Amino acid sequence: WRAAVVSHPSRRPIPGMMRCLLVLSLVQQVTGLCSLSDSWARTNAEARRGETVWAGPTPAKQLDPQDVITLVLGALQRNNFPQLHAGSACLLRFSTDDFRLAGAPALRPSPEQLTDFMSMTQYHLLLDEAASFDFPSECVQLDEEYAFQEVALFSTHDQCAVDAKLGWSLCREPDAEGRRACWLVTGLTWHDLRPRFRPGIGQEEWPRICG
């Protein structure tokens, strides 16, 4: 923008207000946006959702709920590949606008903020490249619009002991024509079985059946 202003045909000094109007006019011509604030708002919203800067898979109609969960968990385990916070950005792309991890300080954090939050809490297990996960039960779907999938997480220390049990809730967001489209994550319950984090943020201890 500075170069565009300097190369203006007029060599006379441009008053402050006129300079601002000229810059706004040039931005509108180049981007087709209404104003600088609109441009920033759109870019910021896309970045917070992980749609810009960070490369990776995007929601697609052919992906079923287990595919979505597998992609997200795999991306989180490789969170800094191919860019820093790429895994967190993937989770944001594959979740609805009102999705929020229990205890998270912001409803829609940026990928960097989401990584920082997970690194300092029980969710750091999602960022462990050596951890593993399994689907202990079949996916439950309601009217092909809502789905629930149980996931078991295992740490590197004991591959036989479950460290956390997760419940993923997903829904199908309608496309522009009102038809069911891609599966997106709407909620995640996390019951932690590790002594340090048990029972998990916002969770209650499960009653023991034996012992």
N, C-alpha and C. Protein backbone atom coordinates (compact mmCIF):
# COMPACT_ATOMS: atom_id res chain seq x y z
N TRP A 1 0.83 -1.21 0.00
CA TRP A 1 0.00 0.00 0.00
C TRP A 1 0.86 1.26 0.00
N ARG A 2 1.96 1.24 0.76
CA ARG A 2 2.81 2.41 0.82
C ARG A 2 3.36 2.72 -0.56
N ALA A 3 3.79 1.67 -1.27
CA ALA A 3 4.33 1.88 -2.61
C ALA A 3 3.27 2.43 -3.54
N ALA A 4 2.05 1.98 -3.38
CA ALA A 4 0.97 2.45 -4.24
C ALA A 4 0.70 3.93 -3.99
N VAL A 5 0.78 4.36 -2.73
CA VAL A 5 0.54 5.76 -2.42
C VAL A 5 1.66 6.63 -2.97
N VAL A 6 2.91 6.16 -2.82
CA VAL A 6 4.05 6.96 -3.28
C VAL A 6 4.01 7.15 -4.79
N SER A 7 3.53 6.14 -5.50
CA SER A 7 3.55 6.22 -6.95
C SER A 7 2.32 6.91 -7.53
N HIS A 8 1.54 7.57 -6.68
CA HIS A 8 0.37 8.29 -7.15
C HIS A 8 0.81 9.38 -8.13
N PRO A 9 0.07 9.57 -9.21
CA PRO A 9 0.47 10.57 -10.23
C PRO A 9 0.74 11.95 -9.67
N SER A 10 -0.02 12.36 -8.66
CA SER A 10 0.17 13.68 -8.09
C SER A 10 1.42 13.72 -7.24
N ARG A 11 2.31 14.76 -7.50
CA ARG A 11 3.54 14.87 -6.72
C ARG A 11 3.36 15.79 -5.52
N ARG A 12 2.20 16.39 -5.40
CA ARG A 12 1.97 17.29 -4.27
C ARG A 12 1.66 16.48 -3.02
N PRO A 13 2.02 16.97 -1.82
CA PRO A 13 1.70 16.26 -0.58
C PRO A 13 0.20 16.04 -0.47
N ILE A 14 -0.19 14.87 -0.05
CA ILE A 14 -1.61 14.54 0.10
C ILE A 14 -1.99 14.68 1.57
N PRO A 15 -3.01 15.48 1.89
CA PRO A 15 -3.43 15.63 3.28
C PRO A 15 -3.74 14.27 3.90
N GLY A 16 -3.69 14.21 5.25
CA GLY A 16 -3.90 12.95 5.95
C GLY A 16 -5.18 12.24 5.58
N MET A 17 -6.32 12.94 5.59
CA MET A 17 -7.60 12.31 5.29
C MET A 17 -7.62 11.83 3.85
N MET A 18 -7.11 12.64 2.93
CA MET A 18 -7.10 12.25 1.53
C MET A 18 -6.21 11.01 1.33
N ARG A 19 -5.10 10.95 2.06
CA ARG A 19 -4.21 9.79 1.95
C ARG A 19 -4.94 8.52 2.40
N CYS A 20 -5.67 8.60 3.49
CA CYS A 20 -6.42 7.45 3.99
C CYS A 20 -7.46 7.00 2.98
N LEU A 21 -8.18 7.99 2.40
CA LEU A 21 -9.20 7.64 1.42
C LEU A 21 -8.59 6.98 0.20
N LEU A 22 -7.40 7.45 -0.20
CA LEU A 22 -6.73 6.87 -1.36
C LEU A 22 -6.33 5.42 -1.08
N VAL A 23 -5.78 5.16 0.12
CA VAL A 23 -5.39 3.80 0.47
C VAL A 23 -6.59 2.89 0.49
N LEU A 24 -7.69 3.33 1.10
CA LEU A 24 -8.92 2.52 1.15
C LEU A 24 -9.43 2.23 -0.25
N SER A 25 -9.37 3.24 -1.12
CA SER A 25 -9.83 3.04 -2.48
C SER A 25 -8.99 2.00 -3.20
N LEU A 26 -7.67 2.05 -3.01
CA LEU A 26 -6.79 1.07 -3.64
C LEU A 26 -7.06 -0.32 -3.11
N VAL A 27 -7.29 -0.45 -1.80
CA VAL A 27 -7.57 -1.76 -1.22
C VAL A 27 -8.86 -2.33 -1.78
N GLN A 28 -9.87 -1.48 -1.92
CA GLN A 28 -11.15 -1.94 -2.47
C GLN A 28 -10.99 -2.42 -3.89
N GLN A 29 -10.15 -1.73 -4.67
CA GLN A 29 -9.96 -2.13 -6.05
C GLN A 29 -9.23 -3.45 -6.16
N VAL A 30 -8.26 -3.66 -5.27
CA VAL A 30 -7.44 -4.87 -5.36
C VAL A 30 -8.14 -6.08 -4.77
N THR A 31 -8.79 -5.91 -3.61
CA THR A 31 -9.36 -7.05 -2.89
C THR A 31 -10.85 -7.21 -3.08
N GLY A 32 -11.53 -6.14 -3.47
CA GLY A 32 -12.98 -6.22 -3.60
C GLY A 32 -13.70 -6.17 -2.27
N LEU A 33 -12.97 -5.86 -1.17
CA LEU A 33 -13.58 -5.79 0.15
C LEU A 33 -14.10 -4.37 0.39
N CYS A 34 -14.93 -4.24 1.41
CA CYS A 34 -15.58 -2.96 1.68
C CYS A 34 -14.67 -2.01 2.43
N SER A 35 -13.84 -2.53 3.33
CA SER A 35 -13.02 -1.65 4.13
C SER A 35 -11.84 -2.43 4.70
N LEU A 36 -10.89 -1.70 5.28
CA LEU A 36 -9.76 -2.35 5.92
C LEU A 36 -10.21 -3.21 7.09
N SER A 37 -11.18 -2.73 7.85
CA SER A 37 -11.67 -3.49 9.00
C SER A 37 -12.32 -4.79 8.55
N ASP A 38 -13.06 -4.76 7.45
CA ASP A 38 -13.67 -5.98 6.92
C ASP A 38 -12.59 -6.96 6.49
N SER A 39 -11.54 -6.44 5.85
CA SER A 39 -10.46 -7.30 5.39
C SER A 39 -9.78 -8.00 6.57
N TRP A 40 -9.49 -7.23 7.62
CA TRP A 40 -8.84 -7.80 8.79
C TRP A 40 -9.76 -8.80 9.49
N ALA A 41 -11.04 -8.48 9.61
CA ALA A 41 -11.97 -9.37 10.29
C ALA A 41 -12.07 -10.72 9.57
N ARG A 42 -12.12 -10.67 8.25
CA ARG A 42 -12.23 -11.92 7.49
C ARG A 42 -10.96 -12.74 7.61
N THR A 43 -9.81 -12.10 7.47
CA THR A 43 -8.54 -12.81 7.58
C THR A 43 -8.36 -13.39 8.97
N ASN A 44 -8.70 -12.62 10.00
CA ASN A 44 -8.55 -13.07 11.37
C ASN A 44 -9.48 -14.25 11.65
N ALA A 45 -10.71 -14.19 11.15
CA ALA A 45 -11.66 -15.28 11.36
C ALA A 45 -11.18 -16.56 10.70
N GLU A 46 -10.63 -16.45 9.49
CA GLU A 46 -10.13 -17.63 8.79
C GLU A 46 -8.93 -18.21 9.52
N ALA A 47 -8.06 -17.34 10.00
CA ALA A 47 -6.87 -17.82 10.69
C ALA A 47 -7.24 -18.52 12.00
N ARG A 48 -8.21 -17.97 12.73
CA ARG A 48 -8.62 -18.57 13.99
C ARG A 48 -9.25 -19.93 13.76
N ARG A 49 -9.87 -20.12 12.61
CA ARG A 49 -10.47 -21.41 12.29
C ARG A 49 -9.45 -22.36 11.68
N GLY A 50 -8.26 -21.86 11.39
CA GLY A 50 -7.22 -22.71 10.84
C GLY A 50 -7.34 -22.89 9.34
N GLU A 51 -8.00 -21.97 8.66
CA GLU A 51 -8.21 -22.11 7.22
C GLU A 51 -7.14 -21.43 6.40
N THR A 52 -6.34 -20.60 7.02
CA THR A 52 -5.24 -19.96 6.30
C THR A 52 -3.94 -20.24 7.03
N VAL A 53 -2.85 -20.12 6.36
CA VAL A 53 -1.51 -20.30 6.90
C VAL A 53 -1.19 -21.78 7.11
N TRP A 54 -2.11 -22.52 7.75
CA TRP A 54 -1.83 -23.91 8.10
C TRP A 54 -2.39 -24.86 7.03
N ALA A 55 -1.51 -25.70 6.49
CA ALA A 55 -1.92 -26.68 5.50
C ALA A 55 -2.45 -27.93 6.19
N GLY A 56 -3.25 -28.70 5.47
CA GLY A 56 -3.76 -29.94 6.04
C GLY A 56 -5.09 -30.32 5.45
N PRO A 57 -5.64 -31.47 5.87
CA PRO A 57 -6.92 -31.93 5.34
C PRO A 57 -8.06 -30.99 5.71
N THR A 58 -9.09 -31.00 4.90
CA THR A 58 -10.28 -30.18 5.13
C THR A 58 -11.52 -31.07 5.12
N PRO A 59 -12.61 -30.63 5.74
CA PRO A 59 -13.84 -31.44 5.76
C PRO A 59 -14.30 -31.81 4.35
N ALA A 60 -14.75 -33.04 4.19
CA ALA A 60 -15.22 -33.54 2.90
C ALA A 60 -16.38 -34.49 3.12
N LYS A 61 -17.30 -34.54 2.17
CA LYS A 61 -18.51 -35.34 2.31
C LYS A 61 -18.21 -36.82 2.43
N GLN A 62 -17.13 -37.29 1.83
CA GLN A 62 -16.85 -38.72 1.82
C GLN A 62 -16.26 -39.23 3.13
N LEU A 63 -15.93 -38.33 4.06
CA LEU A 63 -15.34 -38.72 5.34
C LEU A 63 -16.43 -39.05 6.34
N ASP A 64 -16.39 -40.25 6.93
CA ASP A 64 -17.36 -40.60 7.96
C ASP A 64 -16.82 -40.16 9.32
N PRO A 65 -17.59 -40.27 10.40
CA PRO A 65 -17.14 -39.78 11.71
C PRO A 65 -15.80 -40.37 12.16
N GLN A 66 -15.60 -41.68 11.94
CA GLN A 66 -14.32 -42.27 12.35
C GLN A 66 -13.17 -41.73 11.51
N ASP A 67 -13.42 -41.45 10.24
CA ASP A 67 -12.38 -40.84 9.40
C ASP A 67 -11.98 -39.48 9.94
N VAL A 68 -12.98 -38.68 10.32
CA VAL A 68 -12.72 -37.34 10.84
C VAL A 68 -11.88 -37.41 12.11
N ILE A 69 -12.28 -38.30 13.03
CA ILE A 69 -11.56 -38.42 14.30
C ILE A 69 -10.13 -38.90 14.06
N THR A 70 -9.97 -39.87 13.17
CA THR A 70 -8.64 -40.38 12.86
C THR A 70 -7.75 -39.30 12.27
N LEU A 71 -8.29 -38.50 11.36
CA LEU A 71 -7.51 -37.41 10.77
C LEU A 71 -7.10 -36.39 11.82
N VAL A 72 -8.03 -36.00 12.67
CA VAL A 72 -7.74 -34.99 13.69
C VAL A 72 -6.71 -35.50 14.69
N LEU A 73 -6.90 -36.73 15.20
CA LEU A 73 -5.95 -37.26 16.17
C LEU A 73 -4.56 -37.43 15.55
N GLY A 74 -4.51 -37.87 14.30
CA GLY A 74 -3.22 -38.00 13.63
C GLY A 74 -2.54 -36.67 13.44
N ALA A 75 -3.32 -35.65 13.09
CA ALA A 75 -2.74 -34.31 12.90
C ALA A 75 -2.24 -33.73 14.22
N LEU A 76 -2.98 -33.96 15.31
CA LEU A 76 -2.56 -33.45 16.61
C LEU A 76 -1.27 -34.13 17.07
N GLN A 77 -1.11 -35.41 16.78
CA GLN A 77 0.11 -36.10 17.16
C GLN A 77 1.32 -35.55 16.40
N ARG A 78 1.07 -35.03 15.21
CA ARG A 78 2.14 -34.39 14.42
C ARG A 78 1.84 -32.89 14.35
N ASN A 79 1.63 -32.30 15.50
CA ASN A 79 1.11 -30.94 15.58
C ASN A 79 1.95 -29.91 14.85
N ASN A 80 3.24 -30.11 14.81
CA ASN A 80 4.14 -29.12 14.20
C ASN A 80 4.58 -29.50 12.79
N PHE A 81 3.82 -30.36 12.13
CA PHE A 81 4.11 -30.74 10.75
C PHE A 81 2.86 -30.57 9.90
N PRO A 82 2.95 -29.94 8.74
CA PRO A 82 4.16 -29.36 8.13
C PRO A 82 4.49 -27.96 8.64
N GLN A 83 3.62 -27.39 9.48
CA GLN A 83 3.89 -26.09 10.09
C GLN A 83 3.58 -26.17 11.57
N LEU A 84 4.08 -25.23 12.33
CA LEU A 84 3.77 -25.16 13.75
C LEU A 84 2.26 -25.04 13.94
N HIS A 85 1.72 -25.80 14.87
CA HIS A 85 0.30 -25.75 15.25
C HIS A 85 -0.63 -26.25 14.14
N ALA A 86 -0.09 -27.00 13.18
CA ALA A 86 -0.93 -27.51 12.09
C ALA A 86 -2.01 -28.46 12.62
N GLY A 87 -1.68 -29.24 13.65
CA GLY A 87 -2.65 -30.16 14.22
C GLY A 87 -3.80 -29.44 14.90
N SER A 88 -3.47 -28.40 15.66
CA SER A 88 -4.52 -27.60 16.31
C SER A 88 -5.41 -26.93 15.27
N ALA A 89 -4.80 -26.47 14.19
CA ALA A 89 -5.58 -25.86 13.11
C ALA A 89 -6.51 -26.89 12.48
N CYS A 90 -6.05 -28.13 12.37
CA CYS A 90 -6.89 -29.19 11.81
C CYS A 90 -8.11 -29.43 12.69
N LEU A 91 -7.92 -29.47 14.00
CA LEU A 91 -9.05 -29.64 14.92
C LEU A 91 -10.05 -28.51 14.75
N LEU A 92 -9.58 -27.29 14.59
CA LEU A 92 -10.48 -26.15 14.42
C LEU A 92 -11.24 -26.25 13.10
N ARG A 93 -10.58 -26.71 12.05
CA ARG A 93 -11.25 -26.85 10.75
C ARG A 93 -12.36 -27.89 10.80
N PHE A 94 -12.13 -28.95 11.57
CA PHE A 94 -13.08 -30.05 11.62
C PHE A 94 -14.04 -29.94 12.79
N SER A 95 -14.23 -28.76 13.34
CA SER A 95 -15.16 -28.56 14.44
C SER A 95 -16.09 -27.38 14.14
N THR A 96 -17.23 -27.38 14.81
CA THR A 96 -18.20 -26.30 14.64
C THR A 96 -17.72 -25.05 15.37
N ASP A 97 -18.35 -23.93 15.07
CA ASP A 97 -17.92 -22.66 15.67
C ASP A 97 -18.12 -22.64 17.18
N ASP A 98 -19.08 -23.43 17.69
CA ASP A 98 -19.33 -23.42 19.14
C ASP A 98 -18.60 -24.55 19.87
N PHE A 99 -17.71 -25.26 19.17
CA PHE A 99 -16.94 -26.32 19.82
C PHE A 99 -15.96 -25.70 20.81
N ARG A 100 -15.83 -26.37 21.97
CA ARG A 100 -14.92 -25.86 22.99
C ARG A 100 -14.45 -27.00 23.88
N LEU A 101 -13.15 -27.11 24.07
CA LEU A 101 -12.62 -28.09 25.01
C LEU A 101 -12.92 -27.63 26.43
N ALA A 102 -13.27 -28.58 27.30
CA ALA A 102 -13.58 -28.24 28.69
C ALA A 102 -12.38 -27.56 29.33
N GLY A 103 -12.62 -26.41 29.94
CA GLY A 103 -11.56 -25.66 30.59
C GLY A 103 -10.85 -24.66 29.72
N ALA A 104 -11.11 -24.69 28.41
CA ALA A 104 -10.45 -23.75 27.51
C ALA A 104 -10.88 -22.32 27.82
N PRO A 105 -9.95 -21.36 27.83
CA PRO A 105 -10.31 -19.99 28.20
C PRO A 105 -11.10 -19.24 27.14
N ALA A 106 -11.02 -19.68 25.88
CA ALA A 106 -11.70 -18.96 24.81
C ALA A 106 -12.56 -19.92 24.00
N LEU A 107 -13.69 -19.40 23.52
CA LEU A 107 -14.59 -20.24 22.73
C LEU A 107 -13.96 -20.64 21.41
N ARG A 108 -13.30 -19.72 20.76
CA ARG A 108 -12.68 -20.00 19.46
C ARG A 108 -11.24 -19.49 19.47
N PRO A 109 -10.33 -20.25 20.09
CA PRO A 109 -8.94 -19.79 20.16
C PRO A 109 -8.25 -19.91 18.81
N SER A 110 -7.12 -19.27 18.68
CA SER A 110 -6.29 -19.46 17.50
C SER A 110 -5.57 -20.79 17.64
N PRO A 111 -5.02 -21.35 16.55
CA PRO A 111 -4.25 -22.59 16.68
C PRO A 111 -3.11 -22.50 17.69
N GLU A 112 -2.42 -21.35 17.73
CA GLU A 112 -1.34 -21.20 18.70
C GLU A 112 -1.86 -21.27 20.12
N GLN A 113 -2.97 -20.57 20.38
CA GLN A 113 -3.56 -20.58 21.72
C GLN A 113 -4.04 -21.97 22.11
N LEU A 114 -4.61 -22.69 21.14
CA LEU A 114 -5.10 -24.03 21.42
C LEU A 114 -3.95 -24.97 21.77
N THR A 115 -2.84 -24.85 21.04
CA THR A 115 -1.66 -25.67 21.35
C THR A 115 -1.15 -25.38 22.75
N ASP A 116 -1.05 -24.10 23.11
CA ASP A 116 -0.57 -23.72 24.44
C ASP A 116 -1.47 -24.30 25.52
N PHE A 117 -2.78 -24.20 25.32
CA PHE A 117 -3.72 -24.71 26.32
C PHE A 117 -3.59 -26.22 26.47
N MET A 118 -3.53 -26.95 25.37
CA MET A 118 -3.41 -28.41 25.45
C MET A 118 -2.10 -28.83 26.08
N SER A 119 -1.02 -28.10 25.79
CA SER A 119 0.30 -28.46 26.31
C SER A 119 0.35 -28.38 27.83
N MET A 120 -0.45 -27.51 28.43
CA MET A 120 -0.40 -27.28 29.88
C MET A 120 -1.48 -28.04 30.64
N THR A 121 -2.29 -28.82 29.96
CA THR A 121 -3.42 -29.49 30.63
C THR A 121 -3.43 -30.98 30.29
N GLN A 122 -4.52 -31.63 30.68
CA GLN A 122 -4.67 -33.06 30.43
C GLN A 122 -4.61 -33.40 28.94
N TYR A 123 -4.91 -32.42 28.11
CA TYR A 123 -4.98 -32.66 26.67
C TYR A 123 -3.61 -32.81 26.01
N HIS A 124 -2.53 -32.67 26.80
CA HIS A 124 -1.20 -32.83 26.20
C HIS A 124 -1.02 -34.24 25.64
N LEU A 125 -1.83 -35.19 26.11
CA LEU A 125 -1.76 -36.55 25.60
C LEU A 125 -2.09 -36.59 24.10
N LEU A 126 -2.90 -35.65 23.64
CA LEU A 126 -3.23 -35.59 22.22
C LEU A 126 -2.03 -35.21 21.37
N LEU A 127 -1.06 -34.53 21.97
CA LEU A 127 0.12 -34.05 21.23
C LEU A 127 1.29 -35.03 21.31
N ASP A 128 1.09 -36.16 21.97
CA ASP A 128 2.15 -37.15 22.14
C ASP A 128 2.23 -38.03 20.90
N GLU A 129 3.33 -37.92 20.16
CA GLU A 129 3.48 -38.68 18.92
C GLU A 129 3.49 -40.18 19.16
N ALA A 130 3.95 -40.61 20.32
CA ALA A 130 4.07 -42.03 20.60
C ALA A 130 2.80 -42.63 21.20
N ALA A 131 1.81 -41.80 21.52
CA ALA A 131 0.56 -42.32 22.07
C ALA A 131 -0.25 -43.01 20.97
N SER A 132 -1.22 -43.79 21.38
CA SER A 132 -2.06 -44.49 20.41
C SER A 132 -3.52 -44.39 20.83
N PHE A 133 -4.41 -44.73 19.92
CA PHE A 133 -5.84 -44.67 20.23
C PHE A 133 -6.55 -45.83 19.56
N ASP A 134 -7.77 -46.08 20.03
CA ASP A 134 -8.56 -47.19 19.51
C ASP A 134 -10.03 -46.82 19.60
N PHE A 135 -10.83 -47.45 18.73
CA PHE A 135 -12.28 -47.31 18.79
C PHE A 135 -12.85 -48.57 19.47
N PRO A 136 -13.14 -48.50 20.77
CA PRO A 136 -13.61 -49.70 21.48
C PRO A 136 -15.04 -50.11 21.15
N SER A 137 -15.77 -49.25 20.46
CA SER A 137 -17.15 -49.56 20.12
C SER A 137 -17.49 -48.97 18.76
N GLU A 138 -18.60 -49.42 18.21
CA GLU A 138 -19.04 -48.92 16.92
C GLU A 138 -19.58 -47.49 17.06
N CYS A 139 -19.52 -46.76 15.98
CA CYS A 139 -20.06 -45.40 15.96
C CYS A 139 -21.58 -45.44 15.99
N VAL A 140 -22.18 -44.61 16.83
CA VAL A 140 -23.63 -44.54 16.94
C VAL A 140 -24.11 -43.31 16.18
N GLN A 141 -24.99 -43.51 15.21
CA GLN A 141 -25.51 -42.41 14.40
C GLN A 141 -27.02 -42.29 14.56
N LEU A 142 -27.51 -41.06 14.52
CA LEU A 142 -28.94 -40.78 14.62
C LEU A 142 -29.38 -40.02 13.37
N ASP A 143 -30.21 -40.65 12.57
CA ASP A 143 -30.77 -40.03 11.37
C ASP A 143 -29.69 -39.50 10.42
N GLU A 144 -28.51 -40.11 10.45
CA GLU A 144 -27.40 -39.69 9.59
C GLU A 144 -27.08 -38.21 9.75
N GLU A 145 -27.44 -37.66 10.89
CA GLU A 145 -27.20 -36.23 11.14
C GLU A 145 -26.33 -36.01 12.36
N TYR A 146 -26.46 -36.89 13.35
CA TYR A 146 -25.66 -36.80 14.56
C TYR A 146 -24.94 -38.12 14.79
N ALA A 147 -23.76 -38.04 15.41
CA ALA A 147 -22.97 -39.24 15.65
C ALA A 147 -22.22 -39.11 16.97
N PHE A 148 -21.98 -40.28 17.59
CA PHE A 148 -21.18 -40.34 18.82
C PHE A 148 -20.20 -41.49 18.70
N GLN A 149 -18.94 -41.22 19.03
CA GLN A 149 -17.91 -42.24 18.92
C GLN A 149 -17.04 -42.24 20.18
N GLU A 150 -16.90 -43.40 20.79
CA GLU A 150 -16.02 -43.56 21.95
C GLU A 150 -14.60 -43.82 21.46
N VAL A 151 -13.63 -43.21 22.13
CA VAL A 151 -12.22 -43.37 21.78
C VAL A 151 -11.42 -43.64 23.05
N ALA A 152 -10.53 -44.60 22.98
CA ALA A 152 -9.62 -44.89 24.10
C ALA A 152 -8.22 -44.42 23.74
N LEU A 153 -7.58 -43.69 24.66
CA LEU A 153 -6.22 -43.19 24.45
C LEU A 153 -5.24 -43.95 25.32
N PHE A 154 -4.11 -44.32 24.73
CA PHE A 154 -3.07 -45.04 25.43
C PHE A 154 -1.78 -44.23 25.36
N SER A 155 -1.07 -44.15 26.50
CA SER A 155 0.19 -43.41 26.51
C SER A 155 1.34 -44.32 26.11
N THR A 156 2.54 -43.74 26.08
CA THR A 156 3.73 -44.51 25.70
C THR A 156 4.19 -45.42 26.82
N HIS A 157 3.79 -45.15 28.06
CA HIS A 157 4.30 -45.91 29.20
C HIS A 157 3.70 -47.31 29.30
N ASP A 158 2.43 -47.43 28.97
CA ASP A 158 1.76 -48.73 29.08
C ASP A 158 0.70 -48.81 28.00
N GLN A 159 1.01 -49.54 26.93
CA GLN A 159 0.09 -49.62 25.81
C GLN A 159 -1.13 -50.49 26.11
N CYS A 160 -1.12 -51.14 27.26
CA CYS A 160 -2.26 -52.00 27.63
C CYS A 160 -3.24 -51.26 28.54
N ALA A 161 -2.80 -50.19 29.16
CA ALA A 161 -3.65 -49.45 30.10
C ALA A 161 -4.22 -48.20 29.42
N VAL A 162 -5.53 -48.03 29.53
CA VAL A 162 -6.18 -46.86 28.95
C VAL A 162 -5.91 -45.65 29.84
N ASP A 163 -5.39 -44.59 29.27
CA ASP A 163 -5.11 -43.37 30.02
C ASP A 163 -6.30 -42.42 30.05
N ALA A 164 -7.09 -42.42 29.00
CA ALA A 164 -8.25 -41.53 28.95
C ALA A 164 -9.30 -42.12 28.02
N LYS A 165 -10.55 -41.90 28.39
CA LYS A 165 -11.66 -42.32 27.54
C LYS A 165 -12.39 -41.07 27.05
N LEU A 166 -12.50 -40.97 25.74
CA LEU A 166 -13.07 -39.77 25.12
C LEU A 166 -14.40 -40.10 24.46
N GLY A 167 -15.28 -39.13 24.46
CA GLY A 167 -16.53 -39.25 23.74
C GLY A 167 -16.64 -38.11 22.73
N TRP A 168 -16.61 -38.45 21.45
CA TRP A 168 -16.66 -37.45 20.39
C TRP A 168 -18.09 -37.32 19.88
N SER A 169 -18.62 -36.13 19.90
CA SER A 169 -19.94 -35.84 19.33
C SER A 169 -19.75 -35.09 18.02
N LEU A 170 -20.45 -35.52 16.98
CA LEU A 170 -20.31 -34.90 15.67
C LEU A 170 -21.69 -34.65 15.07
N CYS A 171 -21.75 -33.70 14.16
CA CYS A 171 -22.97 -33.44 13.43
C CYS A 171 -22.62 -33.12 11.99
N ARG A 172 -23.64 -33.21 11.15
CA ARG A 172 -23.44 -32.88 9.74
C ARG A 172 -23.97 -31.48 9.49
N GLU A 173 -23.06 -30.60 9.12
CA GLU A 173 -23.46 -29.24 8.79
C GLU A 173 -24.10 -29.22 7.41
N PRO A 174 -25.25 -28.57 7.22
CA PRO A 174 -25.86 -28.51 5.89
C PRO A 174 -25.05 -27.65 4.95
N ASP A 175 -25.04 -28.02 3.67
CA ASP A 175 -24.33 -27.22 2.69
C ASP A 175 -25.19 -26.06 2.22
N ALA A 176 -24.75 -25.34 1.20
CA ALA A 176 -25.46 -24.16 0.73
C ALA A 176 -26.87 -24.50 0.23
N GLU A 177 -27.08 -25.73 -0.22
CA GLU A 177 -28.38 -26.14 -0.73
C GLU A 177 -29.23 -26.83 0.32
N GLY A 178 -28.75 -26.82 1.57
CA GLY A 178 -29.53 -27.40 2.65
C GLY A 178 -29.39 -28.90 2.80
N ARG A 179 -28.52 -29.53 2.02
CA ARG A 179 -28.31 -30.96 2.12
C ARG A 179 -27.24 -31.28 3.16
N ARG A 180 -27.31 -32.49 3.73
CA ARG A 180 -26.31 -32.89 4.71
C ARG A 180 -24.95 -32.97 4.03
N ALA A 181 -23.97 -32.37 4.67
CA ALA A 181 -22.65 -32.30 4.05
C ALA A 181 -21.61 -32.99 4.91
N CYS A 182 -20.64 -32.24 5.42
CA CYS A 182 -19.48 -32.83 6.09
C CYS A 182 -19.72 -33.02 7.58
N TRP A 183 -19.09 -34.05 8.13
CA TRP A 183 -19.13 -34.28 9.57
C TRP A 183 -18.16 -33.34 10.26
N LEU A 184 -18.65 -32.67 11.32
CA LEU A 184 -17.82 -31.77 12.12
C LEU A 184 -17.99 -32.12 13.60
N VAL A 185 -16.94 -31.89 14.36
CA VAL A 185 -16.96 -32.18 15.80
C VAL A 185 -17.71 -31.07 16.53
N THR A 186 -18.67 -31.46 17.36
CA THR A 186 -19.43 -30.48 18.15
C THR A 186 -19.06 -30.50 19.62
N GLY A 187 -18.53 -31.62 20.10
CA GLY A 187 -18.20 -31.72 21.51
C GLY A 187 -17.23 -32.86 21.78
N LEU A 188 -16.51 -32.76 22.90
CA LEU A 188 -15.56 -33.80 23.29
C LEU A 188 -15.57 -33.94 24.80
N THR A 189 -16.01 -35.09 25.29
CA THR A 189 -15.93 -35.39 26.72
C THR A 189 -14.64 -36.16 26.98
N TRP A 190 -14.00 -35.87 28.09
CA TRP A 190 -12.69 -36.45 28.38
C TRP A 190 -12.68 -36.94 29.82
N HIS A 191 -12.68 -38.27 29.99
CA HIS A 191 -12.57 -38.85 31.34
C HIS A 191 -11.17 -39.41 31.49
N ASP A 192 -10.38 -38.76 32.35
CA ASP A 192 -8.97 -39.11 32.51
C ASP A 192 -8.80 -40.15 33.61
N LEU A 193 -8.02 -41.19 33.33
CA LEU A 193 -7.78 -42.26 34.27
C LEU A 193 -6.39 -42.20 34.89
N ARG A 194 -5.58 -41.20 34.54
CA ARG A 194 -4.27 -41.05 35.13
C ARG A 194 -4.39 -40.39 36.49
N PRO A 195 -3.63 -40.84 37.49
CA PRO A 195 -3.76 -40.28 38.84
C PRO A 195 -3.60 -38.76 38.89
N ARG A 196 -2.71 -38.22 38.08
CA ARG A 196 -2.44 -36.78 38.14
C ARG A 196 -3.62 -35.96 37.63
N PHE A 197 -4.37 -36.49 36.69
CA PHE A 197 -5.42 -35.71 36.04
C PHE A 197 -6.84 -36.23 36.34
N ARG A 198 -6.93 -37.36 37.00
CA ARG A 198 -8.22 -37.99 37.25
C ARG A 198 -9.13 -37.08 38.07
N PRO A 199 -10.41 -36.99 37.74
CA PRO A 199 -11.14 -37.69 36.67
C PRO A 199 -11.20 -36.91 35.36
N GLY A 200 -10.58 -35.74 35.30
CA GLY A 200 -10.65 -34.92 34.10
C GLY A 200 -11.41 -33.64 34.36
N ILE A 201 -11.12 -32.62 33.56
CA ILE A 201 -11.77 -31.32 33.72
C ILE A 201 -13.28 -31.44 33.52
N GLY A 202 -14.04 -31.02 34.53
CA GLY A 202 -15.50 -31.05 34.45
C GLY A 202 -16.11 -32.43 34.60
N GLN A 203 -15.30 -33.44 34.96
CA GLN A 203 -15.79 -34.81 35.09
C GLN A 203 -15.94 -35.20 36.56
N GLU A 204 -16.73 -36.23 36.81
CA GLU A 204 -16.88 -36.80 38.14
C GLU A 204 -16.30 -38.21 38.15
N GLU A 205 -15.78 -38.60 39.30
CA GLU A 205 -15.18 -39.92 39.43
C GLU A 205 -16.22 -41.00 39.19
N TRP A 206 -15.87 -41.98 38.35
CA TRP A 206 -16.77 -43.09 38.10
C TRP A 206 -16.81 -44.01 39.31
N PRO A 207 -18.00 -44.52 39.66
CA PRO A 207 -18.08 -45.46 40.79
C PRO A 207 -17.37 -46.78 40.47
N ARG A 208 -16.67 -47.31 41.44
CA ARG A 208 -15.96 -48.57 41.26
C ARG A 208 -16.92 -49.74 41.46
N ILE A 209 -16.90 -50.67 40.52
CA ILE A 209 -17.76 -51.84 40.62
C ILE A 209 -17.15 -52.88 41.54
N CYS A 210 -15.83 -53.04 41.48
CA CYS A 210 -15.15 -54.02 42.30
C CYS A 210 -13.97 -53.36 43.00
N GLY A 211 -13.73 -53.74 44.27
CA GLY A 211 -12.56 -53.27 45.01
C GLY A 211 -12.68 -51.85 45.49
